[in-house]
Amino acid sequence: MREAGFSLTEALVGVLLFLVITGAVFALVLPDIQLSQAGPVAVDLQQRARVASAALDADLRRAGAGLTSGAFAGSLARHFAAVVPRRLGPGSPDGPYDVRPDALSIIAAADGGHTVLADPLLADGVLSVAPGGACPQGRPFCGFGTGDLLMVLAADGIVDLVTVESLAASTGLVSPWQGARSRVYDAGSAVVGADVRTYVFDQARRQLRQTVQRSSSLALVDGVAEVRFTYFGDPRPPTEPRPPTGVANCLYDEAGAAVPLPVLPGDPVGLVELPLSLFGDGPWCGSGDFQYDADLLRVRRVAVRLRLEALVPGRQLRQSPHALSGVADFGLSTGVAPSNLGAGR
């Protein structure tokens, strides 16, 4: 009796048909697999953009936020530049004449009390505060504590940032926050809790990093391909800070005459883009490590451009082409016009 079976030709035809059908099934299913992989990656991309946008928006809106009472009441931007295009701080600060498109420091008054110097702040670093005023009742040293960051502000717009090392009832020992303190401060100079936030693009790590006060620089967002800060401001020269008669600063001579600064081309009543080159040619305001170009006093609006790349958990950027083939870079453009930068102008 002859046994039933398949010939070699029939077997080969069957295998070929199986491969054709399997390939067709994979061709139909593969886009869905790629889509299921790309979906979480795209969501992560947008979430990282929201984190960066929310942090920058909140901090920029507080730029220049100042005092509510006293001789220095109002916006701090009336006294000095509240946004500067470089890194500030004790870690790895940029030089006083550096200008960077990918770094930004934002200065505001911290919540809490404020007062004035009861005695001059000399080289020994003993800071004596006047009682009363806006200081919290029943708390020594106007409520400031060890480790707090303070700004000492003179009437001519010179400011220094100092850290409280130790304290007593109405005096404290302070040290410069960055570099060296620039001058002796007379009694009556303002003493205010300071809030300084710095953002910088770390190209090697592909991160937007943030520093708050004295803390170490921390990664705010990973997978960053580009960061750029652009500044817009008043085409007319700034008029503040105006020092007392007989005192000169970067805007006025001792007789009170304005230092010549150009009127920038553009809408005379609107805002114009301020190129970074404008912030590196003087005249220079401030003193010591906190020097800045006078044209930074024109700034009224800061625009932020971020470009983020897709990340796959546990992998480097774009190391999984199938998962990321449908996920493009995410560009984020936003702008903030802090109310305190335009106060009274």
Protein backbone atom coordinates (compact mmCIF):
# COMPACT_ATOMS: atom_id res chain seq x y z
CA MET A 1 0.00 0.00 0.00
CA ARG A 2 1.31 3.46 -0.86
CA GLU A 3 1.67 5.89 2.16
CA ALA A 4 0.00 9.36 1.90
CA GLY A 5 2.25 12.48 2.26
CA PHE A 6 3.57 15.65 0.64
CA SER A 7 6.15 15.91 -2.02
CA LEU A 8 9.11 18.24 -1.57
CA THR A 9 7.57 20.68 -4.00
CA GLU A 10 4.30 20.76 -2.08
CA ALA A 11 6.16 21.33 1.21
CA LEU A 12 8.15 24.21 -0.25
CA VAL A 13 4.98 25.80 -1.63
CA GLY A 14 3.33 25.50 1.82
CA VAL A 15 6.30 27.11 3.59
CA LEU A 16 6.32 29.92 1.04
CA LEU A 17 2.61 30.57 1.53
CA PHE A 18 3.11 30.60 5.33
CA LEU A 19 5.91 33.17 5.03
CA VAL A 20 3.85 35.37 2.70
CA ILE A 21 0.83 35.30 5.05
CA THR A 22 3.01 35.91 8.14
CA GLY A 23 4.76 38.82 6.44
CA ALA A 24 1.42 40.36 5.50
CA VAL A 25 0.20 40.04 9.09
CA PHE A 26 3.37 41.71 10.44
CA ALA A 27 3.04 44.47 7.84
CA LEU A 28 -0.42 45.21 9.20
CA VAL A 29 0.52 44.92 12.87
CA LEU A 30 3.93 46.67 12.86
CA PRO A 31 2.55 50.24 12.52
CA ASP A 32 0.35 49.60 15.55
CA ILE A 33 3.35 48.30 17.51
CA GLN A 34 5.41 51.34 16.55
CA LEU A 35 2.52 53.63 17.44
CA SER A 36 2.11 51.98 20.84
CA GLN A 37 5.84 52.50 21.49
CA ALA A 38 5.88 56.10 20.22
CA GLY A 39 2.79 57.16 22.15
CA PRO A 40 4.35 57.15 25.65
CA VAL A 41 7.51 58.74 24.24
CA ALA A 42 5.49 61.63 22.77
CA VAL A 43 3.57 62.07 26.03
CA ASP A 44 6.87 62.20 27.96
CA LEU A 45 8.19 64.77 25.49
CA GLN A 46 5.21 67.06 26.06
CA GLN A 47 5.32 66.55 29.82
CA ARG A 48 8.97 67.62 29.96
CA ALA A 49 8.07 70.70 27.92
CA ARG A 50 5.31 71.56 30.42
CA VAL A 51 7.71 71.21 33.36
CA ALA A 52 10.25 73.56 31.77
CA SER A 53 7.60 76.06 30.70
CA ALA A 54 5.91 76.16 34.12
CA ALA A 55 9.17 76.70 36.02
CA LEU A 56 10.45 79.43 33.71
CA ASP A 57 7.08 81.17 33.56
CA ALA A 58 6.68 81.25 37.34
CA ASP A 59 10.20 82.51 38.02
CA LEU A 60 10.19 85.11 35.25
CA ARG A 61 6.90 86.55 36.46
CA ARG A 62 8.53 87.22 39.84
CA ALA A 63 11.59 88.95 38.33
CA GLY A 64 12.15 92.22 40.13
CA ALA A 65 9.45 91.61 42.75
CA GLY A 66 10.35 93.97 45.56
CA LEU A 67 9.26 95.61 48.77
CA THR A 68 5.80 96.68 49.82
CA SER A 69 6.81 99.58 52.07
CA GLY A 70 9.67 101.85 53.13
CA ALA A 71 12.14 103.99 51.20
CA PHE A 72 12.85 101.13 48.78
CA ALA A 73 9.22 100.17 48.20
CA GLY A 74 8.25 98.99 44.74
CA SER A 75 10.00 96.99 42.08
CA LEU A 76 13.63 96.03 42.56
CA ALA A 77 14.05 96.70 38.84
CA ARG A 78 14.00 100.41 39.73
CA HIS A 79 17.36 99.84 41.44
CA PHE A 80 19.21 97.20 39.41
CA ALA A 81 18.83 94.66 36.59
CA ALA A 82 16.57 91.85 37.79
CA VAL A 83 17.41 89.56 34.86
CA VAL A 84 20.96 89.01 33.63
CA PRO A 85 22.12 86.73 30.77
CA ARG A 86 24.67 84.71 32.76
CA ARG A 87 25.03 82.39 35.73
CA LEU A 88 25.14 83.88 39.21
CA GLY A 89 26.02 82.07 42.39
CA PRO A 90 28.80 80.48 44.40
CA GLY A 91 29.15 77.36 42.23
CA SER A 92 30.36 78.09 38.72
CA PRO A 93 29.36 81.68 38.00
CA ASP A 94 30.10 83.41 34.74
CA GLY A 95 32.26 86.51 34.79
CA PRO A 96 30.64 89.92 35.31
CA TYR A 97 31.12 90.84 31.65
CA ASP A 98 29.92 87.51 30.20
CA VAL A 99 26.80 87.43 28.03
CA ARG A 100 25.22 84.09 27.11
CA PRO A 101 22.18 83.20 24.99
CA ASP A 102 21.62 79.96 26.95
CA ALA A 103 21.83 81.16 30.55
CA LEU A 104 19.59 83.41 32.63
CA SER A 105 19.57 84.53 36.27
CA ILE A 106 16.42 85.99 37.82
CA ILE A 107 16.42 88.07 41.02
CA ALA A 108 13.44 88.87 43.26
CA ALA A 109 12.81 89.66 46.89
CA ALA A 110 12.01 86.63 49.03
CA ASP A 111 8.78 86.49 50.98
CA GLY A 112 9.13 87.77 54.51
CA GLY A 113 10.40 90.84 56.31
CA HIS A 114 12.73 93.58 55.17
CA THR A 115 14.56 96.31 57.02
CA VAL A 116 17.52 98.70 56.82
CA LEU A 117 21.03 98.70 58.24
CA ALA A 118 21.20 100.15 61.76
CA ASP A 119 24.98 100.57 61.38
CA PRO A 120 27.32 100.55 58.37
CA LEU A 121 28.19 97.12 56.94
CA LEU A 122 31.98 97.07 57.06
CA ALA A 123 34.61 94.60 55.91
CA ASP A 124 34.20 92.52 59.09
CA GLY A 125 30.81 91.30 57.81
CA VAL A 126 28.82 92.21 60.93
CA LEU A 127 25.36 93.19 59.72
CA SER A 128 23.19 95.11 62.18
CA VAL A 129 19.51 95.56 61.34
CA ALA A 130 17.11 98.23 62.56
CA PRO A 131 14.17 96.90 64.60
CA GLY A 132 10.54 97.42 63.66
CA GLY A 133 9.47 98.34 60.15
CA ALA A 134 8.40 95.33 58.12
CA CYS A 135 10.16 92.83 60.39
CA PRO A 136 8.03 90.05 61.92
CA GLN A 137 7.22 90.85 65.53
CA GLY A 138 9.02 88.86 68.19
CA ARG A 139 11.61 87.36 65.84
CA PRO A 140 15.30 88.30 66.15
CA PHE A 141 17.34 89.62 63.24
CA CYS A 142 14.15 90.60 61.36
CA GLY A 143 13.22 86.94 60.96
CA PHE A 144 16.24 86.09 58.81
CA GLY A 145 17.93 82.78 59.63
CA THR A 146 21.29 81.10 59.28
CA GLY A 147 21.88 80.15 55.66
CA ASP A 148 19.45 82.73 54.26
CA LEU A 149 20.45 84.74 51.21
CA LEU A 150 20.11 88.52 51.65
CA MET A 151 20.58 91.49 49.37
CA VAL A 152 22.00 94.73 50.71
CA LEU A 153 20.91 97.64 48.53
CA ALA A 154 22.30 101.19 48.56
CA ALA A 155 20.49 104.30 47.36
CA ASP A 156 22.70 104.55 44.25
CA GLY A 157 21.63 101.13 42.98
CA ILE A 158 24.69 99.15 44.12
CA VAL A 159 23.67 95.76 45.49
CA ASP A 160 25.51 92.86 47.11
CA LEU A 161 24.23 89.36 47.86
CA VAL A 162 25.36 87.92 51.18
CA THR A 163 24.73 84.73 53.14
CA VAL A 164 23.94 84.67 56.86
CA GLU A 165 26.58 82.56 58.60
CA SER A 166 25.49 83.14 62.21
CA LEU A 167 23.18 85.50 64.08
CA ALA A 168 22.29 87.12 67.37
CA ALA A 169 19.33 89.26 68.43
CA SER A 170 19.80 92.13 65.97
CA THR A 171 23.14 91.37 64.34
CA GLY A 172 24.42 88.66 62.08
CA LEU A 173 27.70 87.65 60.52
CA VAL A 174 27.42 87.53 56.73
CA SER A 175 29.75 86.43 53.95
CA PRO A 176 29.68 87.24 50.23
CA TRP A 177 27.44 84.91 48.24
CA GLN A 178 29.73 85.10 45.22
CA GLY A 179 33.29 86.39 45.09
CA ALA A 180 33.93 89.38 47.32
CA ARG A 181 31.66 92.08 48.68
CA SER A 182 32.07 95.23 46.61
CA ARG A 183 31.83 98.07 49.14
CA VAL A 184 30.96 99.43 52.57
CA TYR A 185 27.23 100.04 52.96
CA ASP A 186 26.02 103.02 54.96
CA ALA A 187 23.37 102.84 57.66
CA GLY A 188 19.94 103.09 56.07
CA SER A 189 20.77 100.77 53.15
CA ALA A 190 18.00 98.23 52.55
CA VAL A 191 18.30 94.64 53.75
CA VAL A 192 16.00 92.23 51.94
CA GLY A 193 15.66 88.45 51.71
CA ALA A 194 16.77 87.46 48.22
CA ASP A 195 15.44 84.83 45.82
CA VAL A 196 17.81 84.06 42.93
CA ARG A 197 17.03 81.45 40.26
CA THR A 198 19.50 80.52 37.53
CA TYR A 199 18.81 78.50 34.38
CA VAL A 200 21.55 77.21 32.10
CA PHE A 201 21.75 74.81 29.16
CA ASP A 202 24.24 71.99 29.75
CA GLN A 203 24.97 70.92 26.20
CA ALA A 204 27.17 67.98 27.18
CA ARG A 205 24.43 66.45 29.34
CA ARG A 206 21.59 67.67 27.10
CA GLN A 207 19.87 69.19 30.12
CA LEU A 208 18.24 72.42 31.21
CA ARG A 209 19.65 72.88 34.72
CA GLN A 210 18.31 75.06 37.51
CA THR A 211 19.99 76.52 40.60
CA VAL A 212 17.98 77.97 43.49
CA GLN A 213 19.78 80.12 46.07
CA ARG A 214 22.74 78.16 47.46
CA SER A 215 21.66 74.72 46.24
CA SER A 216 23.64 72.72 43.74
CA SER A 217 22.69 72.87 40.09
CA LEU A 218 20.00 70.26 39.37
CA ALA A 219 18.64 68.89 36.11
CA LEU A 220 15.19 70.36 35.51
CA VAL A 221 14.60 68.69 32.12
CA ASP A 222 16.52 66.00 30.22
CA GLY A 223 16.73 65.51 26.47
CA VAL A 224 17.22 69.20 25.67
CA ALA A 225 18.65 70.01 22.24
CA GLU A 226 18.51 73.81 22.32
CA VAL A 227 17.90 76.67 24.76
CA ARG A 228 17.85 80.33 23.82
CA PHE A 229 16.77 83.42 25.75
CA THR A 230 15.87 86.56 23.80
CA TYR A 231 15.26 89.98 25.33
CA PHE A 232 12.89 92.78 24.36
CA GLY A 233 12.82 96.21 25.86
CA ASP A 234 12.33 99.95 25.74
CA PRO A 235 14.07 101.67 22.81
CA ARG A 236 14.50 104.73 25.03
CA PRO A 237 17.39 104.88 27.53
CA PRO A 238 16.57 103.82 31.10
CA THR A 239 16.01 106.56 33.68
CA GLU A 240 16.33 104.53 36.89
CA PRO A 241 18.10 104.02 39.23
CA ARG A 242 18.63 107.74 39.82
CA PRO A 243 21.18 108.34 42.61
CA PRO A 244 21.05 111.15 45.19
CA THR A 245 22.47 114.51 44.19
CA GLY A 246 26.24 114.48 44.29
CA VAL A 247 26.46 110.71 43.66
CA ALA A 248 27.19 109.24 40.24
CA ASN A 249 26.18 105.88 38.82
CA CYS A 250 26.07 104.25 35.39
CA LEU A 251 23.17 106.47 34.23
CA TYR A 252 23.95 109.86 35.81
CA ASP A 253 26.99 111.95 36.69
CA GLU A 254 27.45 113.71 40.04
CA ALA A 255 25.63 116.78 38.75
CA GLY A 256 22.59 114.69 37.85
CA ALA A 257 23.11 114.87 34.08
CA ALA A 258 22.16 111.70 32.17
CA VAL A 259 24.96 109.63 30.66
CA PRO A 260 24.36 109.51 26.88
CA LEU A 261 22.77 106.23 25.76
CA PRO A 262 21.32 105.68 22.28
CA VAL A 263 17.66 105.57 21.35
CA LEU A 264 17.27 102.23 19.58
CA PRO A 265 15.60 102.00 16.15
CA GLY A 266 12.07 100.67 16.09
CA ASP A 267 8.68 101.54 17.49
CA PRO A 268 9.30 104.48 19.88
CA VAL A 269 6.41 103.47 22.16
CA GLY A 270 6.63 99.69 21.82
CA LEU A 271 9.26 97.07 22.58
CA VAL A 272 12.22 96.23 20.38
CA GLU A 273 14.48 93.20 20.38
CA LEU A 274 17.65 93.84 22.35
CA PRO A 275 20.58 91.95 20.75
CA LEU A 276 22.98 90.22 23.14
CA SER A 277 25.80 92.41 21.83
CA LEU A 278 24.04 95.38 23.43
CA PHE A 279 24.70 93.85 26.88
CA GLY A 280 28.45 93.63 26.54
CA ASP A 281 29.65 97.12 25.64
CA GLY A 282 28.87 99.20 28.75
CA PRO A 283 28.43 101.52 30.47
CA TRP A 284 28.64 99.18 33.45
CA CYS A 285 26.35 99.41 36.45
CA GLY A 286 26.80 97.91 39.88
CA SER A 287 30.08 96.87 41.39
CA GLY A 288 32.19 93.80 42.10
CA ASP A 289 30.83 90.48 40.89
CA PHE A 290 27.36 91.93 40.29
CA GLN A 291 28.22 94.26 37.43
CA TYR A 292 25.97 94.44 34.40
CA ASP A 293 25.50 96.52 31.26
CA ALA A 294 23.20 99.54 31.66
CA ASP A 295 21.14 98.37 28.69
CA LEU A 296 19.83 95.46 30.80
CA LEU A 297 17.76 98.10 32.59
CA ARG A 298 15.74 98.41 29.35
CA VAL A 299 14.49 94.79 29.49
CA ARG A 300 10.71 94.42 29.71
CA ARG A 301 10.09 90.99 28.21
CA VAL A 302 12.03 87.71 28.00
CA ALA A 303 11.30 85.13 25.29
CA VAL A 304 12.34 81.50 25.72
CA ARG A 305 13.01 79.01 22.93
CA LEU A 306 13.42 75.32 23.89
CA ARG A 307 13.84 72.30 21.62
CA LEU A 308 13.43 68.89 23.23
CA GLU A 309 14.35 65.48 21.81
CA ALA A 310 12.49 62.24 22.40
CA LEU A 311 13.76 59.89 25.10
CA VAL A 312 13.20 56.14 25.48
CA PRO A 313 13.34 54.94 29.11
CA GLY A 314 16.69 53.28 29.83
CA ARG A 315 18.21 54.33 26.50
CA GLN A 316 20.12 57.25 25.09
CA LEU A 317 18.57 59.80 22.75
CA ARG A 318 17.21 58.31 19.53
CA GLN A 319 18.74 54.87 20.08
CA SER A 320 15.46 53.15 19.21
CA PRO A 321 14.58 54.30 15.68
CA HIS A 322 11.38 52.21 15.46
CA ALA A 323 9.94 53.69 18.65
CA LEU A 324 10.96 57.25 17.78
CA SER A 325 10.45 57.29 14.02
CA GLY A 326 7.10 59.02 14.40
CA VAL A 327 8.15 61.38 17.21
CA ALA A 328 9.62 64.67 16.04
CA ASP A 329 11.58 67.15 18.16
CA PHE A 330 9.28 69.30 20.26
CA GLY A 331 9.80 73.05 20.00
CA LEU A 332 8.53 75.34 22.75
CA SER A 333 8.45 79.12 22.39
CA THR A 334 7.08 81.31 25.15
CA GLY A 335 7.49 84.84 26.40
CA VAL A 336 6.94 86.57 29.73
CA ALA A 337 6.67 90.30 30.40
CA PRO A 338 7.22 90.57 34.19
CA SER A 339 5.10 93.38 35.58
CA ASN A 340 7.90 94.53 37.87
CA LEU A 341 10.29 95.13 34.97
CA GLY A 342 7.95 97.75 33.59
CA ALA A 343 6.76 99.26 36.88
CA GLY A 344 6.59 103.02 36.65
CA ARG A 345 8.14 103.19 33.19
